[in-house]
Protein backbone atom coordinates (compact mmCIF):
# COMPACT_ATOMS: atom_id res chain seq x y z
CA UNK A 1 142.25 161.39 45.49
CA UNK A 2 145.25 160.90 47.70
CA UNK A 3 147.05 157.62 48.03
CA UNK A 4 148.91 156.80 51.20
CA UNK A 5 152.37 155.30 50.85
CA UNK A 6 153.79 153.49 53.86
CA UNK A 7 157.29 154.61 54.82
CA UNK A 8 159.79 153.77 57.50
CA UNK A 9 160.71 156.73 59.73
CA UNK A 10 164.24 156.53 58.35
CA UNK A 11 162.98 157.36 54.83
CA UNK A 12 163.31 161.16 54.56
CA UNK A 13 162.19 161.71 50.95
CA UNK A 14 158.69 161.50 49.51
CA UNK A 15 158.20 160.42 45.89
CA UNK A 16 154.69 160.66 44.44
CA UNK A 17 154.00 157.58 42.33
CA UNK A 18 151.15 159.40 40.51
CA UNK A 19 152.92 162.52 39.24
CA UNK A 20 156.62 162.01 40.04
CA UNK A 21 156.78 164.93 42.53
CA UNK A 22 159.73 164.62 44.94
CA UNK A 23 160.23 166.46 48.23
CA UNK A 24 161.44 165.96 51.77
CA UNK A 25 159.06 164.10 54.03
CA UNK A 26 158.66 167.08 56.38
CA UNK A 27 157.83 169.52 53.57
CA UNK A 28 155.34 167.03 52.12
CA UNK A 29 153.61 166.79 55.50
CA UNK A 30 153.43 170.58 55.75
CA UNK A 31 151.94 170.82 52.24
CA UNK A 32 149.33 168.19 53.14
CA UNK A 33 148.35 170.11 56.29
CA UNK A 34 148.11 173.34 54.26
CA UNK A 35 145.91 171.61 51.66
CA UNK A 36 143.57 170.34 54.39
CA UNK A 37 143.29 173.84 55.84
CA UNK A 38 142.62 175.41 52.44
CA UNK A 39 140.02 172.75 51.72
CA UNK A 40 138.31 173.61 55.00
CA UNK A 41 138.13 177.24 53.85
CA UNK A 42 136.77 176.22 50.46
CA UNK A 43 139.96 177.18 48.64
CA UNK A 44 141.35 174.90 45.93
CA UNK A 45 144.90 173.57 46.61
CA UNK A 46 147.46 174.48 43.92
CA UNK A 47 148.62 170.91 43.17
CA UNK A 48 146.34 168.15 41.83
CA UNK A 49 148.16 165.67 44.09
CA UNK A 50 147.24 167.53 47.29
């Protein structure tokens, strides 16, 4: 289950409150899009947070 964290556009880092994962906001968005695509293909994403 994903949780959505509200951010201002000026905040460039993403910090997962569930697992402590840290990444840039743009890379996090790309990983989320990849996970959605893999889910559509029936493939399991590699991270439990995705």
